[in-house]
Amino acid sequence: YYGLTLNSVTLAGDKNVNFILITLVEIPGA
């Protein structure tokens, strides 16, 4: 869980957008 969250900023594209997306995907599961 934390590893994927931290690694999201290394993905291609804007790191802030990637971080926002990687956190918002928790909502459907909840």
PDB file of all heavy atoms in Angstrom:
ATOM      1  N   TYR A   1       0.842  -1.207   0.000  1.00  0.00           N
ATOM      2  CA  TYR A   1       0.000   0.000   0.000  1.00  0.00           C
ATOM      3  C   TYR A   1       0.874   1.253   0.000  1.00  0.00           C
ATOM      4  O   TYR A   1       0.714   2.143  -0.847  1.00  0.00           O
ATOM      5  CB  TYR A   1      -0.921  -0.017   1.222  1.00  0.00           C
ATOM      6  CG  TYR A   1      -1.751   1.231   1.398  1.00  0.00           C
ATOM      7  CD1 TYR A   1      -2.986   1.356   0.789  1.00  0.00           C
ATOM      8  CD2 TYR A   1      -1.279   2.299   2.170  1.00  0.00           C
ATOM      9  CE1 TYR A   1      -3.746   2.511   0.945  1.00  0.00           C
ATOM     10  CE2 TYR A   1      -2.028   3.447   2.334  1.00  0.00           C
ATOM     11  CZ  TYR A   1      -3.262   3.550   1.725  1.00  0.00           C
ATOM     12  OH  TYR A   1      -4.000   4.690   1.885  1.00  0.00           O
ATOM     13  N   TYR A   2       1.801   1.339   0.959  1.00  0.00           N
ATOM     14  CA  TYR A   2       2.647   2.529   1.036  1.00  0.00           C
ATOM     15  C   TYR A   2       3.696   2.542  -0.074  1.00  0.00           C
ATOM     16  O   TYR A   2       4.073   3.611  -0.563  1.00  0.00           O
ATOM     17  CB  TYR A   2       3.317   2.611   2.409  1.00  0.00           C
ATOM     18  CG  TYR A   2       2.404   3.143   3.478  1.00  0.00           C
ATOM     19  CD1 TYR A   2       1.809   2.301   4.401  1.00  0.00           C
ATOM     20  CD2 TYR A   2       2.101   4.501   3.559  1.00  0.00           C
ATOM     21  CE1 TYR A   2       0.946   2.778   5.383  1.00  0.00           C
ATOM     22  CE2 TYR A   2       1.238   4.989   4.535  1.00  0.00           C
ATOM     23  CZ  TYR A   2       0.672   4.127   5.438  1.00  0.00           C
ATOM     24  OH  TYR A   2      -0.184   4.609   6.385  1.00  0.00           O
ATOM     25  N   GLY A   3       4.166   1.372  -0.471  1.00  0.00           N
ATOM     26  CA  GLY A   3       5.149   1.311  -1.545  1.00  0.00           C
ATOM     27  C   GLY A   3       4.602   1.855  -2.851  1.00  0.00           C
ATOM     28  O   GLY A   3       5.271   2.636  -3.553  1.00  0.00           O
ATOM     29  N   LEU A   4       3.366   1.463  -3.205  1.00  0.00           N
ATOM     30  CA  LEU A   4       2.753   1.964  -4.433  1.00  0.00           C
ATOM     31  C   LEU A   4       2.477   3.463  -4.331  1.00  0.00           C
ATOM     32  O   LEU A   4       2.649   4.192  -5.312  1.00  0.00           O
ATOM     33  CB  LEU A   4       1.450   1.209  -4.714  1.00  0.00           C
ATOM     34  CG  LEU A   4       1.600  -0.258  -5.125  1.00  0.00           C
ATOM     35  CD1 LEU A   4       0.235  -0.917  -5.287  1.00  0.00           C
ATOM     36  CD2 LEU A   4       2.395  -0.386  -6.428  1.00  0.00           C
ATOM     37  N   THR A   5       2.054   3.912  -3.169  1.00  0.00           N
ATOM     38  CA  THR A   5       1.789   5.348  -2.994  1.00  0.00           C
ATOM     39  C   THR A   5       3.065   6.164  -3.177  1.00  0.00           C
ATOM     40  O   THR A   5       3.071   7.180  -3.881  1.00  0.00           O
ATOM     41  CB  THR A   5       1.195   5.617  -1.596  1.00  0.00           C
ATOM     42  OG1 THR A   5      -0.009   4.857  -1.434  1.00  0.00           O
ATOM     43  CG2 THR A   5       0.881   7.092  -1.423  1.00  0.00           C
ATOM     44  N   LEU A   6       4.145   5.710  -2.555  1.00  0.00           N
ATOM     45  CA  LEU A   6       5.414   6.441  -2.655  1.00  0.00           C
ATOM     46  C   LEU A   6       5.974   6.382  -4.065  1.00  0.00           C
ATOM     47  O   LEU A   6       6.559   7.353  -4.553  1.00  0.00           O
ATOM     48  CB  LEU A   6       6.421   5.870  -1.656  1.00  0.00           C
ATOM     49  CG  LEU A   6       6.044   5.981  -0.177  1.00  0.00           C
ATOM     50  CD1 LEU A   6       7.081   5.288   0.698  1.00  0.00           C
ATOM     51  CD2 LEU A   6       5.901   7.431   0.239  1.00  0.00           C
ATOM     52  N   ASN A   7       5.829   5.234  -4.741  1.00  0.00           N
ATOM     53  CA  ASN A   7       6.388   5.082  -6.084  1.00  0.00           C
ATOM     54  C   ASN A   7       5.572   5.808  -7.142  1.00  0.00           C
ATOM     55  O   ASN A   7       6.009   5.931  -8.289  1.00  0.00           O
ATOM     56  CB  ASN A   7       6.477   3.599  -6.453  1.00  0.00           C
ATOM     57  CG  ASN A   7       7.695   2.927  -5.845  1.00  0.00           C
ATOM     58  OD1 ASN A   7       8.433   3.558  -5.102  1.00  0.00           O
ATOM     59  ND2 ASN A   7       7.879   1.659  -6.132  1.00  0.00           N
ATOM     60  N   SER A   8       4.371   6.301  -6.784  1.00  0.00           N
ATOM     61  CA  SER A   8       3.524   6.962  -7.773  1.00  0.00           C
ATOM     62  C   SER A   8       4.199   8.209  -8.332  1.00  0.00           C
ATOM     63  O   SER A   8       3.954   8.587  -9.481  1.00  0.00           O
ATOM     64  CB  SER A   8       2.174   7.330  -7.146  1.00  0.00           C
ATOM     65  OG  SER A   8       2.341   8.300  -6.129  1.00  0.00           O
ATOM     66  N   VAL A   9       5.039   8.865  -7.538  1.00  0.00           N
ATOM     67  CA  VAL A   9       5.685  10.102  -7.989  1.00  0.00           C
ATOM     68  C   VAL A   9       6.803   9.823  -8.988  1.00  0.00           C
ATOM     69  O   VAL A   9       7.359  10.752  -9.563  1.00  0.00           O
ATOM     70  CB  VAL A   9       6.234  10.906  -6.790  1.00  0.00           C
ATOM     71  CG1 VAL A   9       5.098  11.354  -5.885  1.00  0.00           C
ATOM     72  CG2 VAL A   9       7.250  10.096  -5.997  1.00  0.00           C
ATOM     73  N   THR A  10       7.141   8.548  -9.192  1.00  0.00           N
ATOM     74  CA  THR A  10       8.181   8.203 -10.166  1.00  0.00           C
ATOM     75  C   THR A  10       7.601   7.849 -11.529  1.00  0.00           C
ATOM     76  O   THR A  10       8.339   7.599 -12.471  1.00  0.00           O
ATOM     77  CB  THR A  10       9.025   7.015  -9.659  1.00  0.00           C
ATOM     78  OG1 THR A  10       8.195   5.840  -9.589  1.00  0.00           O
ATOM     79  CG2 THR A  10       9.602   7.304  -8.288  1.00  0.00           C
ATOM     80  N   LEU A  11       6.270   7.796 -11.639  1.00  0.00           N
ATOM     81  CA  LEU A  11       5.645   7.451 -12.906  1.00  0.00           C
ATOM     82  C   LEU A  11       5.838   8.574 -13.912  1.00  0.00           C
ATOM     83  O   LEU A  11       6.091   9.730 -13.562  1.00  0.00           O
ATOM     84  CB  LEU A  11       4.147   7.195 -12.709  1.00  0.00           C
ATOM     85  CG  LEU A  11       3.761   5.995 -11.843  1.00  0.00           C
ATOM     86  CD1 LEU A  11       2.252   5.977 -11.622  1.00  0.00           C
ATOM     87  CD2 LEU A  11       4.218   4.693 -12.469  1.00  0.00           C
ATOM     88  N   ALA A  12       5.673   8.214 -15.191  1.00  0.00           N
ATOM     89  CA  ALA A  12       5.763   9.229 -16.236  1.00  0.00           C
ATOM     90  C   ALA A  12       4.623  10.226 -16.088  1.00  0.00           C
ATOM     91  O   ALA A  12       3.523   9.882 -15.665  1.00  0.00           O
ATOM     92  CB  ALA A  12       5.707   8.558 -17.611  1.00  0.00           C
ATOM     93  N   GLY A  13       4.883  11.472 -16.451  1.00  0.00           N
ATOM     94  CA  GLY A  13       3.869  12.498 -16.338  1.00  0.00           C
ATOM     95  C   GLY A  13       4.049  13.333 -15.078  1.00  0.00           C
ATOM     96  O   GLY A  13       5.039  13.205 -14.361  1.00  0.00           O
ATOM     97  N   ASP A  14       3.070  14.189 -14.814  1.00  0.00           N
ATOM     98  CA  ASP A  14       3.131  15.083 -13.666  1.00  0.00           C
ATOM     99  C   ASP A  14       3.029  14.275 -12.376  1.00  0.00           C
ATOM    100  O   ASP A  14       2.054  13.556 -12.161  1.00  0.00           O
ATOM    101  CB  ASP A  14       1.995  16.097 -13.758  1.00  0.00           C
ATOM    102  CG  ASP A  14       2.118  17.181 -12.697  1.00  0.00           C
ATOM    103  OD1 ASP A  14       1.810  16.877 -11.527  1.00  0.00           O
ATOM    104  OD2 ASP A  14       2.513  18.311 -13.028  1.00  0.00           O
ATOM    105  N   LYS A  15       4.013  14.411 -11.479  1.00  0.00           N
ATOM    106  CA  LYS A  15       4.037  13.599 -10.262  1.00  0.00           C
ATOM    107  C   LYS A  15       2.895  13.963  -9.317  1.00  0.00           C
ATOM    108  O   LYS A  15       2.396  13.105  -8.575  1.00  0.00           O
ATOM    109  CB  LYS A  15       5.379  13.736  -9.552  1.00  0.00           C
ATOM    110  CG  LYS A  15       5.676  15.116  -8.984  1.00  0.00           C
ATOM    111  CD  LYS A  15       7.023  15.123  -8.263  1.00  0.00           C
ATOM    112  CE  LYS A  15       7.314  16.491  -7.645  1.00  0.00           C
ATOM    113  NZ  LYS A  15       8.623  16.505  -6.967  1.00  0.00           N
ATOM    114  N   ASN A  16       2.463  15.227  -9.342  1.00  0.00           N
ATOM    115  CA  ASN A  16       1.359  15.626  -8.475  1.00  0.00           C
ATOM    116  C   ASN A  16       0.049  15.011  -8.939  1.00  0.00           C
ATOM    117  O   ASN A  16      -0.746  14.527  -8.122  1.00  0.00           O
ATOM    118  CB  ASN A  16       1.230  17.151  -8.446  1.00  0.00           C
ATOM    119  CG  ASN A  16       2.443  17.821  -7.845  1.00  0.00           C
ATOM    120  OD1 ASN A  16       3.046  17.315  -6.899  1.00  0.00           O
ATOM    121  ND2 ASN A  16       2.830  18.964  -8.387  1.00  0.00           N
ATOM    122  N   VAL A  17      -0.170  14.992 -10.232  1.00  0.00           N
ATOM    123  CA  VAL A  17      -1.380  14.367 -10.787  1.00  0.00           C
ATOM    124  C   VAL A  17      -1.377  12.869 -10.499  1.00  0.00           C
ATOM    125  O   VAL A  17      -2.398  12.294 -10.118  1.00  0.00           O
ATOM    126  CB  VAL A  17      -1.482  14.628 -12.307  1.00  0.00           C
ATOM    127  CG1 VAL A  17      -2.643  13.834 -12.909  1.00  0.00           C
ATOM    128  CG2 VAL A  17      -1.650  16.110 -12.585  1.00  0.00           C
ATOM    129  N   ASN A  18      -0.209  12.243 -10.666  1.00  0.00           N
ATOM    130  CA  ASN A  18      -0.105  10.802 -10.384  1.00  0.00           C
ATOM    131  C   ASN A  18      -0.426  10.504  -8.928  1.00  0.00           C
ATOM    132  O   ASN A  18      -1.112   9.526  -8.607  1.00  0.00           O
ATOM    133  CB  ASN A  18       1.299  10.301 -10.720  1.00  0.00           C
ATOM    134  CG  ASN A  18       1.580  10.288 -12.210  1.00  0.00           C
ATOM    135  OD1 ASN A  18       0.649  10.200 -13.017  1.00  0.00           O
ATOM    136  ND2 ASN A  18       2.832  10.386 -12.587  1.00  0.00           N
ATOM    137  N   PHE A  19       0.072  11.342  -8.029  1.00  0.00           N
ATOM    138  CA  PHE A  19      -0.195  11.137  -6.606  1.00  0.00           C
ATOM    139  C   PHE A  19      -1.679  11.297  -6.302  1.00  0.00           C
ATOM    140  O   PHE A  19      -2.254  10.530  -5.526  1.00  0.00           O
ATOM    141  CB  PHE A  19       0.620  12.133  -5.772  1.00  0.00           C
ATOM    142  CG  PHE A  19       0.461  11.956  -4.289  1.00  0.00           C
ATOM    143  CD1 PHE A  19       1.218  11.017  -3.598  1.00  0.00           C
ATOM    144  CD2 PHE A  19      -0.467  12.714  -3.578  1.00  0.00           C
ATOM    145  CE1 PHE A  19       1.064  10.849  -2.229  1.00  0.00           C
ATOM    146  CE2 PHE A  19      -0.627  12.542  -2.209  1.00  0.00           C
ATOM    147  CZ  PHE A  19       0.146  11.604  -1.537  1.00  0.00           C
ATOM    148  N   ILE A  20      -2.312  12.288  -6.900  1.00  0.00           N
ATOM    149  CA  ILE A  20      -3.747  12.496  -6.696  1.00  0.00           C
ATOM    150  C   ILE A  20      -4.540  11.287  -7.171  1.00  0.00           C
ATOM    151  O   ILE A  20      -5.445  10.792  -6.484  1.00  0.00           O
ATOM    152  CB  ILE A  20      -4.219  13.773  -7.425  1.00  0.00           C
ATOM    153  CG1 ILE A  20      -3.592  15.003  -6.769  1.00  0.00           C
ATOM    154  CG2 ILE A  20      -5.744  13.885  -7.419  1.00  0.00           C
ATOM    155  CD1 ILE A  20      -3.810  16.294  -7.551  1.00  0.00           C
ATOM    156  N   LEU A  21      -4.194  10.776  -8.345  1.00  0.00           N
ATOM    157  CA  LEU A  21      -4.908   9.620  -8.894  1.00  0.00           C
ATOM    158  C   LEU A  21      -4.708   8.381  -8.033  1.00  0.00           C
ATOM    159  O   LEU A  21      -5.650   7.621  -7.775  1.00  0.00           O
ATOM    160  CB  LEU A  21      -4.432   9.346 -10.330  1.00  0.00           C
ATOM    161  CG  LEU A  21      -4.793  10.399 -11.377  1.00  0.00           C
ATOM    162  CD1 LEU A  21      -4.154  10.046 -12.722  1.00  0.00           C
ATOM    163  CD2 LEU A  21      -6.303  10.531 -11.521  1.00  0.00           C
ATOM    164  N   ILE A  22      -3.475   8.165  -7.555  1.00  0.00           N
ATOM    165  CA  ILE A  22      -3.168   6.955  -6.788  1.00  0.00           C
ATOM    166  C   ILE A  22      -3.866   6.969  -5.428  1.00  0.00           C
ATOM    167  O   ILE A  22      -4.083   5.913  -4.820  1.00  0.00           O
ATOM    168  CB  ILE A  22      -1.639   6.802  -6.614  1.00  0.00           C
ATOM    169  CG1 ILE A  22      -1.251   5.326  -6.406  1.00  0.00           C
ATOM    170  CG2 ILE A  22      -1.128   7.627  -5.452  1.00  0.00           C
ATOM    171  CD1 ILE A  22      -1.361   4.482  -7.613  1.00  0.00           C
ATOM    172  N   THR A  23      -4.236   8.155  -4.947  1.00  0.00           N
ATOM    173  CA  THR A  23      -4.974   8.226  -3.681  1.00  0.00           C
ATOM    174  C   THR A  23      -6.483   8.159  -3.908  1.00  0.00           C
ATOM    175  O   THR A  23      -7.201   7.549  -3.111  1.00  0.00           O
ATOM    176  CB  THR A  23      -4.627   9.516  -2.922  1.00  0.00           C
ATOM    177  OG1 THR A  23      -4.844  10.651  -3.770  1.00  0.00           O
ATOM    178  CG2 THR A  23      -3.178   9.506  -2.483  1.00  0.00           C
ATOM    179  N   LEU A  24      -6.971   8.758  -4.978  1.00  0.00           N
ATOM    180  CA  LEU A  24      -8.409   8.743  -5.244  1.00  0.00           C
ATOM    181  C   LEU A  24      -8.934   7.351  -5.598  1.00  0.00           C
ATOM    182  O   LEU A  24     -10.117   7.063  -5.391  1.00  0.00           O
ATOM    183  CB  LEU A  24      -8.754   9.729  -6.365  1.00  0.00           C
ATOM    184  CG  LEU A  24      -8.629  11.216  -6.033  1.00  0.00           C
ATOM    185  CD1 LEU A  24      -9.002  12.066  -7.234  1.00  0.00           C
ATOM    186  CD2 LEU A  24      -9.492  11.582  -4.833  1.00  0.00           C
ATOM    187  N   VAL A  25      -8.064   6.468  -6.103  1.00  0.00           N
ATOM    188  CA  VAL A  25      -8.532   5.126  -6.448  1.00  0.00           C
ATOM    189  C   VAL A  25      -8.882   4.308  -5.203  1.00  0.00           C
ATOM    190  O   VAL A  25      -9.464   3.227  -5.312  1.00  0.00           O
ATOM    191  CB  VAL A  25      -7.484   4.346  -7.283  1.00  0.00           C
ATOM    192  CG1 VAL A  25      -7.290   4.981  -8.634  1.00  0.00           C
ATOM    193  CG2 VAL A  25      -6.161   4.213  -6.537  1.00  0.00           C
ATOM    194  N   GLU A  26      -8.535   4.819  -4.016  1.00  0.00           N
ATOM    195  CA  GLU A  26      -8.922   4.130  -2.785  1.00  0.00           C
ATOM    196  C   GLU A  26     -10.424   4.250  -2.517  1.00  0.00           C
ATOM    197  O   GLU A  26     -11.015   3.415  -1.819  1.00  0.00           O
ATOM    198  CB  GLU A  26      -8.155   4.707  -1.594  1.00  0.00           C
ATOM    199  CG  GLU A  26      -6.648   4.545  -1.682  1.00  0.00           C
ATOM    200  CD  GLU A  26      -5.938   5.184  -0.500  1.00  0.00           C
ATOM    201  OE1 GLU A  26      -6.556   5.266   0.580  1.00  0.00           O
ATOM    202  OE2 GLU A  26      -4.779   5.610  -0.659  1.00  0.00           O
ATOM    203  N   ILE A  27     -11.042   5.288  -3.061  1.00  0.00           N
ATOM    204  CA  ILE A  27     -12.453   5.560  -2.758  1.00  0.00           C
ATOM    205  C   ILE A  27     -13.388   4.477  -3.288  1.00  0.00           C
ATOM    206  O   ILE A  27     -14.272   4.013  -2.543  1.00  0.00           O
ATOM    207  CB  ILE A  27     -12.846   6.951  -3.283  1.00  0.00           C
ATOM    208  CG1 ILE A  27     -12.060   8.020  -2.519  1.00  0.00           C
ATOM    209  CG2 ILE A  27     -14.351   7.188  -3.149  1.00  0.00           C
ATOM    210  CD1 ILE A  27     -12.325   9.441  -2.982  1.00  0.00           C
ATOM    211  N   PRO A  28     -13.266   4.025  -4.548  1.00  0.00           N
ATOM    212  CA  PRO A  28     -14.166   2.963  -5.008  1.00  0.00           C
ATOM    213  C   PRO A  28     -14.094   1.704  -4.147  1.00  0.00           C
ATOM    214  O   PRO A  28     -15.123   1.073  -3.863  1.00  0.00           O
ATOM    215  CB  PRO A  28     -13.677   2.688  -6.439  1.00  0.00           C
ATOM    216  CG  PRO A  28     -13.023   3.946  -6.863  1.00  0.00           C
ATOM    217  CD  PRO A  28     -12.387   4.508  -5.639  1.00  0.00           C
ATOM    218  N   GLY A  29     -12.890   1.343  -3.704  1.00  0.00           N
ATOM    219  CA  GLY A  29     -12.748   0.165  -2.853  1.00  0.00           C
ATOM    220  C   GLY A  29     -13.436   0.342  -1.520  1.00  0.00           C
ATOM    221  O   GLY A  29     -14.079  -0.583  -1.004  1.00  0.00           O
ATOM    222  N   ALA A  30     -13.314   1.546  -0.939  1.00  0.00           N
ATOM    223  CA  ALA A  30     -13.949   1.816   0.350  1.00  0.00           C
ATOM    224  C   ALA A  30     -15.460   1.763   0.252  1.00  0.00           C
ATOM    225  O   ALA A  30     -16.149   1.265   1.155  1.00  0.00           O
ATOM    226  CB  ALA A  30     -13.505   3.188   0.865  1.00  0.00           C
TER     227      ALA A  30
END
